[in-house]
């Protein structure tokens, strides 16, 4: 394990935690990183959080995989997933910023995709 990997993983987890308004969910970012890179790489990178939220996330991750498969065949589920995804992206972009717009613009293509959703959905 390199010190750089631990530093970068710590910065990623810290940024994700600071973007979450609900303090109770601060255990979720390490769980997400473990899910994305796998437990072995996460341990090497110093992301080794296995609290109760991690076990809950494991169950939710299985559910999200099933939804991902099901949405390919269900238009309503696709629409809902798109709205929720846009709301998550928008809340991450706005994290720690005041006002209704971030101090920078989203790329044009992305802005067009989430424009209508931003005002209707919020986390």
PDB file of N, CA and C in Angstrom:
ATOM      1  N   UNK A   1       0.830  -1.203   0.000  1.00  0.00           N
ATOM      2  CA  UNK A   1       0.000   0.000   0.000  1.00  0.00           C
ATOM      3  C   UNK A   1       0.868   1.258   0.000  1.00  0.00           C
ATOM      4  N   UNK A   2       0.489   2.199  -0.820  1.00  0.00           N
ATOM      5  CA  UNK A   2       1.264   3.433  -0.876  1.00  0.00           C
ATOM      6  C   UNK A   2       0.598   4.516  -0.042  1.00  0.00           C
ATOM      7  N   UNK A   3       1.403   5.430   0.430  1.00  0.00           N
ATOM      8  CA  UNK A   3       0.875   6.559   1.193  1.00  0.00           C
ATOM      9  C   UNK A   3      -0.021   7.423   0.315  1.00  0.00           C
ATOM     10  N   UNK A   4       0.331   7.531  -0.973  1.00  0.00           N
ATOM     11  CA  UNK A   4      -0.476   8.327  -1.900  1.00  0.00           C
ATOM     12  C   UNK A   4      -1.885   7.747  -2.042  1.00  0.00           C
ATOM     13  N   UNK A   5      -1.980   6.430  -2.150  1.00  0.00           N
ATOM     14  CA  UNK A   5      -3.289   5.785  -2.282  1.00  0.00           C
ATOM     15  C   UNK A   5      -4.135   6.038  -1.041  1.00  0.00           C
ATOM     16  N   UNK A   6      -3.523   5.938   0.122  1.00  0.00           N
ATOM     17  CA  UNK A   6      -4.260   6.197   1.369  1.00  0.00           C
ATOM     18  C   UNK A   6      -4.693   7.661   1.447  1.00  0.00           C
ATOM     19  N   UNK A   7      -3.833   8.563   1.015  1.00  0.00           N
ATOM     20  CA  UNK A   7      -4.162   9.987   1.032  1.00  0.00           C
ATOM     21  C   UNK A   7      -5.316  10.302   0.076  1.00  0.00           C
ATOM     22  N   UNK A   8      -5.242   9.763  -1.135  1.00  0.00           N
ATOM     23  CA  UNK A   8      -6.302  10.006  -2.112  1.00  0.00           C
ATOM     24  C   UNK A   8      -7.624   9.378  -1.687  1.00  0.00           C
ATOM     25  N   UNK A   9      -7.583   8.159  -1.171  1.00  0.00           N
ATOM     26  CA  UNK A   9      -8.808   7.496  -0.712  1.00  0.00           C
ATOM     27  C   UNK A   9      -9.412   8.264   0.464  1.00  0.00           C
ATOM     28  N   UNK A  10      -8.560   8.733   1.358  1.00  0.00           N
ATOM     29  CA  UNK A  10      -9.049   9.535   2.486  1.00  0.00           C
ATOM     30  C   UNK A  10      -9.681  10.839   2.034  1.00  0.00           C
ATOM     31  N   UNK A  11      -9.083  11.465   1.010  1.00  0.00           N
ATOM     32  CA  UNK A  11      -9.643  12.708   0.476  1.00  0.00           C
ATOM     33  C   UNK A  11     -10.993  12.452  -0.197  1.00  0.00           C
ATOM     34  N   UNK A  12     -11.094  11.341  -0.927  1.00  0.00           N
ATOM     35  CA  UNK A  12     -12.357  10.996  -1.578  1.00  0.00           C
ATOM     36  C   UNK A  12     -13.454  10.758  -0.555  1.00  0.00           C
ATOM     37  N   UNK A  13     -13.161   9.959   0.451  1.00  0.00           N
ATOM     38  CA  UNK A  13     -14.149   9.675   1.490  1.00  0.00           C
ATOM     39  C   UNK A  13     -14.514  10.960   2.229  1.00  0.00           C
ATOM     40  N   UNK A  14     -13.526  11.786   2.527  1.00  0.00           N
ATOM     41  CA  UNK A  14     -13.796  13.059   3.209  1.00  0.00           C
ATOM     42  C   UNK A  14     -14.689  13.985   2.390  1.00  0.00           C
ATOM     43  N   UNK A  15     -14.429  14.061   1.082  1.00  0.00           N
ATOM     44  CA  UNK A  15     -15.255  14.914   0.211  1.00  0.00           C
ATOM     45  C   UNK A  15     -16.683  14.401   0.153  1.00  0.00           C
ATOM     46  N   UNK A  16     -16.833  13.086   0.073  1.00  0.00           N
ATOM     47  CA  UNK A  16     -18.174  12.512   0.033  1.00  0.00           C
ATOM     48  C   UNK A  16     -18.903  12.752   1.352  1.00  0.00           C
ATOM     49  N   UNK A  17     -18.199  12.608   2.460  1.00  0.00           N
ATOM     50  CA  UNK A  17     -18.828  12.827   3.765  1.00  0.00           C
ATOM     51  C   UNK A  17     -19.229  14.286   3.951  1.00  0.00           C
ATOM     52  N   UNK A  18     -18.394  15.210   3.484  1.00  0.00           N
ATOM     53  CA  UNK A  18     -18.728  16.622   3.647  1.00  0.00           C
ATOM     54  C   UNK A  18     -19.891  17.046   2.762  1.00  0.00           C
ATOM     55  N   UNK A  19     -20.188  16.266   1.711  1.00  0.00           N
ATOM     56  CA  UNK A  19     -21.316  16.611   0.845  1.00  0.00           C
ATOM     57  C   UNK A  19     -22.640  16.097   1.393  1.00  0.00           C
ATOM     58  N   UNK A  20     -22.595  15.279   2.441  1.00  0.00           N
ATOM     59  CA  UNK A  20     -23.815  14.728   3.025  1.00  0.00           C
ATOM     60  C   UNK A  20     -24.291  15.608   4.159  1.00  0.00           C
ATOM     61  N   UNK A  21     -25.531  16.029   4.067  1.00  0.00           N
ATOM     62  CA  UNK A  21     -26.096  16.904   5.095  1.00  0.00           C
ATOM     63  C   UNK A  21     -26.410  16.147   6.380  1.00  0.00           C
ATOM     64  N   UNK A  22     -26.789  14.894   6.262  1.00  0.00           N
ATOM     65  CA  UNK A  22     -27.188  14.095   7.421  1.00  0.00           C
ATOM     66  C   UNK A  22     -25.955  13.407   8.003  1.00  0.00           C
ATOM     67  N   UNK A  23     -25.564  13.810   9.195  1.00  0.00           N
ATOM     68  CA  UNK A  23     -24.353  13.292   9.839  1.00  0.00           C
ATOM     69  C   UNK A  23     -24.437  11.788  10.057  1.00  0.00           C
ATOM     70  N   UNK A  24     -25.632  11.288  10.291  1.00  0.00           N
ATOM     71  CA  UNK A  24     -25.819   9.864  10.524  1.00  0.00           C
ATOM     72  C   UNK A  24     -25.351   9.025   9.343  1.00  0.00           C
ATOM     73  N   UNK A  25     -25.326   9.598   8.148  1.00  0.00           N
ATOM     74  CA  UNK A  25     -24.949   8.862   6.945  1.00  0.00           C
ATOM     75  C   UNK A  25     -23.463   8.958   6.609  1.00  0.00           C
ATOM     76  N   UNK A  26     -22.663   9.536   7.471  1.00  0.00           N
ATOM     77  CA  UNK A  26     -21.240   9.713   7.171  1.00  0.00           C
ATOM     78  C   UNK A  26     -20.481   8.386   7.085  1.00  0.00           C
ATOM     79  N   UNK A  27     -21.074   7.299   7.557  1.00  0.00           N
ATOM     80  CA  UNK A  27     -20.445   5.989   7.399  1.00  0.00           C
ATOM     81  C   UNK A  27     -20.676   5.396   6.015  1.00  0.00           C
ATOM     82  N   UNK A  28     -21.558   6.025   5.242  1.00  0.00           N
ATOM     83  CA  UNK A  28     -21.892   5.494   3.926  1.00  0.00           C
ATOM     84  C   UNK A  28     -20.773   5.637   2.889  1.00  0.00           C
ATOM     85  N   UNK A  29     -20.060   6.768   2.790  1.00  0.00           N
ATOM     86  CA  UNK A  29     -19.001   6.885   1.778  1.00  0.00           C
ATOM     87  C   UNK A  29     -17.931   5.793   1.837  1.00  0.00           C
ATOM     88  N   UNK A  30     -17.426   5.426   3.012  1.00  0.00           N
ATOM     89  CA  UNK A  30     -16.454   4.322   3.004  1.00  0.00           C
ATOM     90  C   UNK A  30     -17.071   3.024   2.475  1.00  0.00           C
ATOM     91  N   UNK A  31     -18.340   2.811   2.765  1.00  0.00           N
ATOM     92  CA  UNK A  31     -19.016   1.612   2.275  1.00  0.00           C
ATOM     93  C   UNK A  31     -19.154   1.647   0.760  1.00  0.00           C
ATOM     94  N   UNK A  32     -19.441   2.813   0.219  1.00  0.00           N
ATOM     95  CA  UNK A  32     -19.568   2.956  -1.234  1.00  0.00           C
ATOM     96  C   UNK A  32     -18.221   2.682  -1.906  1.00  0.00           C
ATOM     97  N   UNK A  33     -17.156   3.222  -1.338  1.00  0.00           N
ATOM     98  CA  UNK A  33     -15.827   2.999  -1.900  1.00  0.00           C
ATOM     99  C   UNK A  33     -15.482   1.510  -1.841  1.00  0.00           C
ATOM    100  N   UNK A  34     -15.763   0.867  -0.704  1.00  0.00           N
ATOM    101  CA  UNK A  34     -15.508  -0.581  -0.586  1.00  0.00           C
ATOM    102  C   UNK A  34     -16.283  -1.354  -1.639  1.00  0.00           C
ATOM    103  N   UNK A  35     -17.525  -0.946  -1.873  1.00  0.00           N
ATOM    104  CA  UNK A  35     -18.352  -1.621  -2.868  1.00  0.00           C
ATOM    105  C   UNK A  35     -17.771  -1.442  -4.268  1.00  0.00           C
ATOM    106  N   UNK A  36     -17.321  -0.235  -4.587  1.00  0.00           N
ATOM    107  CA  UNK A  36     -16.844   0.061  -5.943  1.00  0.00           C
ATOM    108  C   UNK A  36     -15.490  -0.570  -6.257  1.00  0.00           C
ATOM    109  N   UNK A  37     -14.583  -0.579  -5.301  1.00  0.00           N
ATOM    110  CA  UNK A  37     -13.235  -1.081  -5.583  1.00  0.00           C
ATOM    111  C   UNK A  37     -12.996  -2.490  -5.051  1.00  0.00           C
ATOM    112  N   UNK A  38     -13.893  -2.977  -4.225  1.00  0.00           N
ATOM    113  CA  UNK A  38     -13.732  -4.298  -3.634  1.00  0.00           C
ATOM    114  C   UNK A  38     -13.050  -4.209  -2.286  1.00  0.00           C
ATOM    115  N   UNK A  39     -13.292  -5.185  -1.423  1.00  0.00           N
ATOM    116  CA  UNK A  39     -12.763  -5.126  -0.058  1.00  0.00           C
ATOM    117  C   UNK A  39     -11.241  -5.178   0.039  1.00  0.00           C
ATOM    118  N   UNK A  40     -10.593  -5.913  -0.865  1.00  0.00           N
ATOM    119  CA  UNK A  40      -9.129  -6.024  -0.796  1.00  0.00           C
ATOM    120  C   UNK A  40      -8.452  -4.696  -1.110  1.00  0.00           C
ATOM    121  N   UNK A  41      -8.865  -4.058  -2.207  1.00  0.00           N
ATOM    122  CA  UNK A  41      -8.282  -2.764  -2.591  1.00  0.00           C
ATOM    123  C   UNK A  41      -8.632  -1.703  -1.557  1.00  0.00           C
ATOM    124  N   UNK A  42      -9.863  -1.743  -1.043  1.00  0.00           N
ATOM    125  CA  UNK A  42     -10.262  -0.765  -0.022  1.00  0.00           C
ATOM    126  C   UNK A  42      -9.383  -0.888   1.222  1.00  0.00           C
ATOM    127  N   UNK A  43      -9.080  -2.121   1.632  1.00  0.00           N
ATOM    128  CA  UNK A  43      -8.209  -2.322   2.797  1.00  0.00           C
ATOM    129  C   UNK A  43      -6.801  -1.810   2.517  1.00  0.00           C
ATOM    130  N   UNK A  44      -6.304  -2.047   1.307  1.00  0.00           N
ATOM    131  CA  UNK A  44      -4.982  -1.546   0.936  1.00  0.00           C
ATOM    132  C   UNK A  44      -4.958  -0.024   0.978  1.00  0.00           C
ATOM    133  N   UNK A  45      -6.055   0.600   0.532  1.00  0.00           N
ATOM    134  CA  UNK A  45      -6.139   2.065   0.498  1.00  0.00           C
ATOM    135  C   UNK A  45      -6.540   2.674   1.836  1.00  0.00           C
ATOM    136  N   UNK A  46      -6.699   1.841   2.858  1.00  0.00           N
ATOM    137  CA  UNK A  46      -7.020   2.357   4.180  1.00  0.00           C
ATOM    138  C   UNK A  46      -8.488   2.684   4.379  1.00  0.00           C
ATOM    139  N   UNK A  47      -9.353   2.194   3.505  1.00  0.00           N
ATOM    140  CA  UNK A  47     -10.790   2.402   3.652  1.00  0.00           C
ATOM    141  C   UNK A  47     -11.359   1.098   4.172  1.00  0.00           C
ATOM    142  N   UNK A  48     -11.461   0.995   5.473  1.00  0.00           N
ATOM    143  CA  UNK A  48     -11.874  -0.271   6.074  1.00  0.00           C
ATOM    144  C   UNK A  48     -12.937  -0.014   7.132  1.00  0.00           C
ATOM    145  N   UNK A  49     -14.087   0.487   6.708  1.00  0.00           N
ATOM    146  CA  UNK A  49     -15.169   0.808   7.624  1.00  0.00           C
ATOM    147  C   UNK A  49     -16.255  -0.253   7.506  1.00  0.00           C
ATOM    148  N   UNK A  50     -16.422  -1.057   8.532  1.00  0.00           N
ATOM    149  CA  UNK A  50     -17.458  -2.093   8.507  1.00  0.00           C
ATOM    150  C   UNK A  50     -18.421  -1.887   9.672  1.00  0.00           C
ATOM    151  N   UNK A  51     -19.063  -0.744   9.732  1.00  0.00           N
ATOM    152  CA  UNK A  51     -20.047  -0.504  10.774  1.00  0.00           C
ATOM    153  C   UNK A  51     -21.415  -1.020  10.313  1.00  0.00           C
ATOM    154  N   UNK A  52     -22.444  -0.747  11.104  1.00  0.00           N
ATOM    155  CA  UNK A  52     -23.788  -1.210  10.769  1.00  0.00           C
ATOM    156  C   UNK A  52     -24.280  -0.668   9.445  1.00  0.00           C
ATOM    157  N   UNK A  53     -23.881   0.540   9.126  1.00  0.00           N
ATOM    158  CA  UNK A  53     -24.304   1.136   7.864  1.00  0.00           C
ATOM    159  C   UNK A  53     -23.712   0.383   6.678  1.00  0.00           C
ATOM    160  N   UNK A  54     -22.513  -0.157   6.851  1.00  0.00           N
ATOM    161  CA  UNK A  54     -21.883  -0.919   5.769  1.00  0.00           C
ATOM    162  C   UNK A  54     -22.695  -2.168   5.458  1.00  0.00           C
ATOM    163  N   UNK A  55     -23.171  -2.843   6.482  1.00  0.00           N
ATOM    164  CA  UNK A  55     -23.988  -4.035   6.247  1.00  0.00           C
ATOM    165  C   UNK A  55     -25.315  -3.669   5.596  1.00  0.00           C
ATOM    166  N   UNK A  56     -25.883  -2.540   5.999  1.00  0.00           N
ATOM    167  CA  UNK A  56     -27.106  -2.066   5.371  1.00  0.00           C
ATOM    168  C   UNK A  56     -26.843  -1.734   3.903  1.00  0.00           C
ATOM    169  N   UNK A  57     -25.712  -1.084   3.635  1.00  0.00           N
ATOM    170  CA  UNK A  57     -25.375  -0.726   2.264  1.00  0.00           C
ATOM    171  C   UNK A  57     -25.209  -1.969   1.394  1.00  0.00           C
ATOM    172  N   UNK A  58     -24.633  -3.027   1.944  1.00  0.00           N
ATOM    173  CA  UNK A  58     -24.469  -4.264   1.170  1.00  0.00           C
ATOM    174  C   UNK A  58     -25.821  -4.771   0.682  1.00  0.00           C
ATOM    175  N   UNK A  59     -26.826  -4.721   1.546  1.00  0.00           N
ATOM    176  CA  UNK A  59     -28.167  -5.139   1.154  1.00  0.00           C
ATOM    177  C   UNK A  59     -28.774  -4.221   0.116  1.00  0.00           C
ATOM    178  N   UNK A  60     -28.576  -2.921   0.296  1.00  0.00           N
ATOM    179  CA  UNK A  60     -29.095  -1.946  -0.663  1.00  0.00           C
ATOM    180  C   UNK A  60     -28.397  -2.104  -2.012  1.00  0.00           C
ATOM    181  N   UNK A  61     -27.117  -2.416  -1.998  1.00  0.00           N
ATOM    182  CA  UNK A  61     -26.371  -2.584  -3.250  1.00  0.00           C
ATOM    183  C   UNK A  61     -26.950  -3.740  -4.065  1.00  0.00           C
ATOM    184  N   UNK A  62     -27.317  -4.815  -3.404  1.00  0.00           N
ATOM    185  CA  UNK A  62     -27.941  -5.940  -4.106  1.00  0.00           C
ATOM    186  C   UNK A  62     -29.268  -5.489  -4.711  1.00  0.00           C
ATOM    187  N   UNK A  63     -30.054  -4.741  -3.941  1.00  0.00           N
ATOM    188  CA  UNK A  63     -31.324  -4.215  -4.436  1.00  0.00           C
ATOM    189  C   UNK A  63     -31.114  -3.296  -5.641  1.00  0.00           C
ATOM    190  N   UNK A  64     -30.108  -2.427  -5.574  1.00  0.00           N
ATOM    191  CA  UNK A  64     -29.838  -1.509  -6.684  1.00  0.00           C
ATOM    192  C   UNK A  64     -29.422  -2.255  -7.953  1.00  0.00           C
ATOM    193  N   UNK A  65     -28.688  -3.349  -7.799  1.00  0.00           N
ATOM    194  CA  UNK A  65     -28.342  -4.163  -8.971  1.00  0.00           C
ATOM    195  C   UNK A  65     -29.599  -4.732  -9.621  1.00  0.00           C
ATOM    196  N   UNK A  66     -30.527  -5.203  -8.786  1.00  0.00           N
ATOM    197  CA  UNK A  66     -31.775  -5.763  -9.306  1.00  0.00           C
ATOM    198  C   UNK A  66     -32.610  -4.691 -10.003  1.00  0.00           C
ATOM    199  N   UNK A  67     -32.641  -3.490  -9.426  1.00  0.00           N
ATOM    200  CA  UNK A  67     -33.367  -2.384 -10.051  1.00  0.00           C
ATOM    201  C   UNK A  67     -32.724  -2.035 -11.384  1.00  0.00           C
ATOM    202  N   UNK A  68     -31.392  -2.032 -11.442  1.00  0.00           N
ATOM    203  CA  UNK A  68     -30.690  -1.742 -12.685  1.00  0.00           C
ATOM    204  C   UNK A  68     -31.051  -2.720 -13.793  1.00  0.00           C
ATOM    205  N   UNK A  69     -31.207  -3.974 -13.431  1.00  0.00           N
ATOM    206  CA  UNK A  69     -31.619  -4.969 -14.417  1.00  0.00           C
ATOM    207  C   UNK A  69     -33.080  -4.794 -14.807  1.00  0.00           C
ATOM    208  N   UNK A  70     -33.923  -4.506 -13.821  1.00  0.00           N
ATOM    209  CA  UNK A  70     -35.361  -4.375 -14.081  1.00  0.00           C
ATOM    210  C   UNK A  70     -35.688  -3.125 -14.886  1.00  0.00           C
ATOM    211  N   UNK A  71     -34.926  -2.054 -14.691  1.00  0.00           N
ATOM    212  CA  UNK A  71     -35.264  -0.804 -15.386  1.00  0.00           C
ATOM    213  C   UNK A  71     -35.057  -0.899 -16.895  1.00  0.00           C
ATOM    214  N   UNK A  72     -34.310  -1.878 -17.338  1.00  0.00           N
ATOM    215  CA  UNK A  72     -34.134  -2.074 -18.772  1.00  0.00           C
ATOM    216  C   UNK A  72     -35.444  -2.493 -19.435  1.00  0.00           C
ATOM    217  N   UNK A  73     -36.364  -3.039 -18.652  1.00  0.00           N
ATOM    218  CA  UNK A  73     -37.621  -3.547 -19.194  1.00  0.00           C
ATOM    219  C   UNK A  73     -38.840  -2.762 -18.714  1.00  0.00           C
ATOM    220  N   UNK A  74     -38.625  -1.720 -17.910  1.00  0.00           N
ATOM    221  CA  UNK A  74     -39.744  -0.986 -17.334  1.00  0.00           C
ATOM    222  C   UNK A  74     -39.493   0.515 -17.484  1.00  0.00           C
ATOM    223  N   UNK A  75     -40.295   1.158 -18.325  1.00  0.00           N
ATOM    224  CA  UNK A  75     -40.077   2.580 -18.610  1.00  0.00           C
ATOM    225  C   UNK A  75     -40.282   3.450 -17.362  1.00  0.00           C
ATOM    226  N   UNK A  76     -41.290   3.161 -16.553  1.00  0.00           N
ATOM    227  CA  UNK A  76     -41.550   3.951 -15.351  1.00  0.00           C
ATOM    228  C   UNK A  76     -40.355   3.887 -14.392  1.00  0.00           C
ATOM    229  N   UNK A  77     -39.801   2.717 -14.220  1.00  0.00           N
ATOM    230  CA  UNK A  77     -38.638   2.559 -13.354  1.00  0.00           C
ATOM    231  C   UNK A  77     -37.442   3.317 -13.915  1.00  0.00           C
ATOM    232  N   UNK A  78     -37.279   3.318 -15.237  1.00  0.00           N
ATOM    233  CA  UNK A  78     -36.199   4.083 -15.876  1.00  0.00           C
ATOM    234  C   UNK A  78     -36.350   5.569 -15.600  1.00  0.00           C
ATOM    235  N   UNK A  79     -37.576   6.082 -15.704  1.00  0.00           N
ATOM    236  CA  UNK A  79     -37.833   7.513 -15.470  1.00  0.00           C
ATOM    237  C   UNK A  79     -37.527   7.864 -14.016  1.00  0.00           C
ATOM    238  N   UNK A  80     -38.006   7.042 -13.089  1.00  0.00           N
ATOM    239  CA  UNK A  80     -37.754   7.305 -11.665  1.00  0.00           C
ATOM    240  C   UNK A  80     -36.256   7.263 -11.376  1.00  0.00           C
ATOM    241  N   UNK A  81     -35.560   6.273 -11.919  1.00  0.00           N
ATOM    242  CA  UNK A  81     -34.106   6.162 -11.701  1.00  0.00           C
ATOM    243  C   UNK A  81     -33.378   7.380 -12.244  1.00  0.00           C
ATOM    244  N   UNK A  82     -33.801   7.852 -13.389  1.00  0.00           N
ATOM    245  CA  UNK A  82     -33.172   9.033 -13.989  1.00  0.00           C
ATOM    246  C   UNK A  82     -33.374  10.264 -13.107  1.00  0.00           C
ATOM    247  N   UNK A  83     -34.582  10.435 -12.569  1.00  0.00           N
ATOM    248  CA  UNK A  83     -34.860  11.578 -11.696  1.00  0.00           C
ATOM    249  C   UNK A  83     -34.046  11.518 -10.407  1.00  0.00           C
ATOM    250  N   UNK A  84     -33.996  10.344  -9.800  1.00  0.00           N
ATOM    251  CA  UNK A  84     -33.232  10.198  -8.558  1.00  0.00           C
ATOM    252  C   UNK A  84     -31.746  10.422  -8.826  1.00  0.00           C
ATOM    253  N   UNK A  85     -31.230   9.869  -9.923  1.00  0.00           N
ATOM    254  CA  UNK A  85     -29.820  10.072 -10.276  1.00  0.00           C
ATOM    255  C   UNK A  85     -29.485  11.530 -10.494  1.00  0.00           C
ATOM    256  N   UNK A  86     -30.379  12.249 -11.161  1.00  0.00           N
ATOM    257  CA  UNK A  86     -30.157  13.680 -11.391  1.00  0.00           C
ATOM    258  C   UNK A  86     -30.187  14.455 -10.079  1.00  0.00           C
ATOM    259  N   UNK A  87     -31.082  14.076  -9.172  1.00  0.00           N
ATOM    260  CA  UNK A  87     -31.155  14.762  -7.877  1.00  0.00           C
ATOM    261  C   UNK A  87     -29.889  14.525  -7.057  1.00  0.00           C
ATOM    262  N   UNK A  88     -29.364  13.302  -7.102  1.00  0.00           N
ATOM    263  CA  UNK A  88     -28.123  12.991  -6.385  1.00  0.00           C
ATOM    264  C   UNK A  88     -26.968  13.801  -6.959  1.00  0.00           C
ATOM    265  N   UNK A  89     -26.860  13.826  -8.279  1.00  0.00           N
ATOM    266  CA  UNK A  89     -25.800  14.595  -8.927  1.00  0.00           C
ATOM    267  C   UNK A  89     -25.903  16.072  -8.567  1.00  0.00           C
ATOM    268  N   UNK A  90     -27.112  16.609  -8.629  1.00  0.00           N
ATOM    269  CA  UNK A  90     -27.310  18.017  -8.323  1.00  0.00           C
ATOM    270  C   UNK A  90     -26.950  18.328  -6.874  1.00  0.00           C
ATOM    271  N   UNK A  91     -27.335  17.466  -5.929  1.00  0.00           N
ATOM    272  CA  UNK A  91     -27.009  17.733  -4.527  1.00  0.00           C
ATOM    273  C   UNK A  91     -25.511  17.634  -4.287  1.00  0.00           C
ATOM    274  N   UNK A  92     -24.826  16.752  -5.006  1.00  0.00           N
ATOM    275  CA  UNK A  92     -23.375  16.651  -4.856  1.00  0.00           C
ATOM    276  C   UNK A  92     -22.692  17.902  -5.404  1.00  0.00           C
ATOM    277  N   UNK A  93     -23.173  18.405  -6.546  1.00  0.00           N
ATOM    278  CA  UNK A  93     -22.596  19.605  -7.151  1.00  0.00           C
ATOM    279  C   UNK A  93     -22.800  20.809  -6.237  1.00  0.00           C
ATOM    280  N   UNK A  94     -23.931  20.882  -5.580  1.00  0.00           N
ATOM    281  CA  UNK A  94     -24.272  22.029  -4.734  1.00  0.00           C
ATOM    282  C   UNK A  94     -23.744  21.914  -3.308  1.00  0.00           C
ATOM    283  N   UNK A  95     -23.160  20.803  -2.946  1.00  0.00           N
ATOM    284  CA  UNK A  95     -22.717  20.587  -1.568  1.00  0.00           C
ATOM    285  C   UNK A  95     -21.784  21.698  -1.108  1.00  0.00           C
ATOM    286  N   UNK A  96     -22.087  22.256   0.046  1.00  0.00           N
ATOM    287  CA  UNK A  96     -21.242  23.288   0.623  1.00  0.00           C
ATOM    288  C   UNK A  96     -21.308  24.624  -0.074  1.00  0.00           C
ATOM    289  N   UNK A  97     -22.275  24.818  -0.956  1.00  0.00           N
ATOM    290  CA  UNK A  97     -22.408  26.083  -1.669  1.00  0.00           C
ATOM    291  C   UNK A  97     -23.730  26.726  -1.290  1.00  0.00           C
ATOM    292  N   UNK A  98     -23.750  28.033  -1.263  1.00  0.00           N
ATOM    293  CA  UNK A  98     -24.990  28.731  -0.945  1.00  0.00           C
ATOM    294  C   UNK A  98     -25.666  29.180  -2.223  1.00  0.00           C
ATOM    295  N   UNK A  99     -26.938  29.523  -2.120  1.00  0.00           N
ATOM    296  CA  UNK A  99     -27.676  29.980  -3.289  1.00  0.00           C
ATOM    297  C   UNK A  99     -28.275  28.822  -4.052  1.00  0.00           C
ATOM    298  N   UNK A 100     -28.941  29.148  -5.133  1.00  0.00           N
ATOM    299  CA  UNK A 100     -29.625  28.101  -5.891  1.00  0.00           C
ATOM    300  C   UNK A 100     -28.786  27.554  -7.044  1.00  0.00           C
ATOM    301  N   UNK A 101     -27.660  28.188  -7.350  1.00  0.00           N
ATOM    302  CA  UNK A 101     -26.797  27.685  -8.424  1.00  0.00           C
ATOM    303  C   UNK A 101     -25.363  27.596  -7.931  1.00  0.00           C
ATOM    304  N   UNK A 102     -24.655  26.569  -8.382  1.00  0.00           N
ATOM    305  CA  UNK A 102     -23.239  26.517  -8.014  1.00  0.00           C
ATOM    306  C   UNK A 102     -22.471  27.627  -8.717  1.00  0.00           C
ATOM    307  N   UNK A 103     -21.281  27.972  -8.235  1.00  0.00           N
ATOM    308  CA  UNK A 103     -20.512  29.059  -8.842  1.00  0.00           C
ATOM    309  C   UNK A 103     -19.875  28.675 -10.173  1.00  0.00           C
ATOM    310  N   UNK A 104     -20.244  27.557 -10.727  1.00  0.00           N
ATOM    311  CA  UNK A 104     -19.742  27.145 -12.028  1.00  0.00           C
ATOM    312  C   UNK A 104     -20.907  26.500 -12.779  1.00  0.00           C
ATOM    313  N   UNK A 105     -20.752  26.345 -14.065  1.00  0.00           N
ATOM    314  CA  UNK A 105     -21.812  25.751 -14.880  1.00  0.00           C
ATOM    315  C   UNK A 105     -21.515  24.286 -15.147  1.00  0.00           C
ATOM    316  N   UNK A 106     -22.579  23.502 -15.194  1.00  0.00           N
ATOM    317  CA  UNK A 106     -22.424  22.116 -15.602  1.00  0.00           C
ATOM    318  C   UNK A 106     -22.130  22.078 -17.096  1.00  0.00           C
ATOM    319  N   UNK A 107     -21.471  21.047 -17.586  1.00  0.00           N
ATOM    320  CA  UNK A 107     -21.297  20.915 -19.038  1.00  0.00           C
ATOM    321  C   UNK A 107     -22.661  20.954 -19.736  1.00  0.00           C
ATOM    322  N   UNK A 108     -22.718  21.515 -20.915  1.00  0.00           N
ATOM    323  CA  UNK A 108     -23.968  21.760 -21.626  1.00  0.00           C
ATOM    324  C   UNK A 108     -24.824  20.503 -21.756  1.00  0.00           C
ATOM    325  N   UNK A 109     -24.238  19.405 -22.177  1.00  0.00           N
ATOM    326  CA  UNK A 109     -25.016  18.189 -22.373  1.00  0.00           C
ATOM    327  C   UNK A 109     -25.618  17.694 -21.048  1.00  0.00           C
ATOM    328  N   UNK A 110     -24.838  17.725 -19.985  1.00  0.00           N
ATOM    329  CA  UNK A 110     -25.319  17.294 -18.681  1.00  0.00           C
ATOM    330  C   UNK A 110     -26.388  18.252 -18.159  1.00  0.00           C
ATOM    331  N   UNK A 111     -26.193  19.533 -18.363  1.00  0.00           N
ATOM    332  CA  UNK A 111     -27.165  20.523 -17.917  1.00  0.00           C
ATOM    333  C   UNK A 111     -28.515  20.300 -18.587  1.00  0.00           C
ATOM    334  N   UNK A 112     -28.525  19.991 -19.860  1.00  0.00           N
ATOM    335  CA  UNK A 112     -29.776  19.737 -20.571  1.00  0.00           C
ATOM    336  C   UNK A 112     -30.459  18.480 -20.040  1.00  0.00           C
ATOM    337  N   UNK A 113     -29.703  17.495 -19.647  1.00  0.00           N
ATOM    338  CA  UNK A 113     -30.282  16.246 -19.155  1.00  0.00           C
ATOM    339  C   UNK A 113     -30.949  16.419 -17.805  1.00  0.00           C
ATOM    340  N   UNK A 114     -30.392  17.277 -16.955  1.00  0.00           N
ATOM    341  CA  UNK A 114     -30.928  17.386 -15.591  1.00  0.00           C
ATOM    342  C   UNK A 114     -31.698  18.678 -15.333  1.00  0.00           C
ATOM    343  N   UNK A 115     -31.839  19.544 -16.315  1.00  0.00           N
ATOM    344  CA  UNK A 115     -32.475  20.849 -16.116  1.00  0.00           C
ATOM    345  C   UNK A 115     -33.870  20.733 -15.520  1.00  0.00           C
ATOM    346  N   UNK A 116     -34.737  19.935 -16.100  1.00  0.00           N
ATOM    347  CA  UNK A 116     -36.102  19.821 -15.624  1.00  0.00           C
ATOM    348  C   UNK A 116     -36.184  19.120 -14.273  1.00  0.00           C
ATOM    349  N   UNK A 117     -35.295  18.216 -14.045  1.00  0.00           N
ATOM    350  CA  UNK A 117     -35.346  17.406 -12.835  1.00  0.00           C
ATOM    351  C   UNK A 117     -34.899  18.185 -11.613  1.00  0.00           C
ATOM    352  N   UNK A 118     -33.955  19.102 -11.781  1.00  0.00           N
ATOM    353  CA  UNK A 118     -33.357  19.816 -10.658  1.00  0.00           C
ATOM    354  C   UNK A 118     -34.388  20.495  -9.766  1.00  0.00           C
ATOM    355  N   UNK A 119     -35.378  21.113 -10.351  1.00  0.00           N
ATOM    356  CA  UNK A 119     -36.318  21.883  -9.543  1.00  0.00           C
ATOM    357  C   UNK A 119     -37.373  21.013  -8.891  1.00  0.00           C
ATOM    358  N   UNK A 120     -37.586  19.803  -9.397  1.00  0.00           N
ATOM    359  CA  UNK A 120     -38.639  18.959  -8.853  1.00  0.00           C
ATOM    360  C   UNK A 120     -38.148  17.969  -7.809  1.00  0.00           C
ATOM    361  N   UNK A 121     -36.882  17.591  -7.858  1.00  0.00           N
ATOM    362  CA  UNK A 121     -36.370  16.575  -6.961  1.00  0.00           C
ATOM    363  C   UNK A 121     -35.225  17.126  -6.130  1.00  0.00           C
ATOM    364  N   UNK A 122     -35.192  16.755  -4.884  1.00  0.00           N
ATOM    365  CA  UNK A 122     -34.106  17.174  -4.023  1.00  0.00           C
ATOM    366  C   UNK A 122     -33.916  16.128  -2.932  1.00  0.00           C
ATOM    367  N   UNK A 123     -32.674  15.944  -2.516  1.00  0.00           N
ATOM    368  CA  UNK A 123     -32.406  14.991  -1.433  1.00  0.00           C
ATOM    369  C   UNK A 123     -32.178  15.724  -0.147  1.00  0.00           C
TER     370      UNK A 123
END
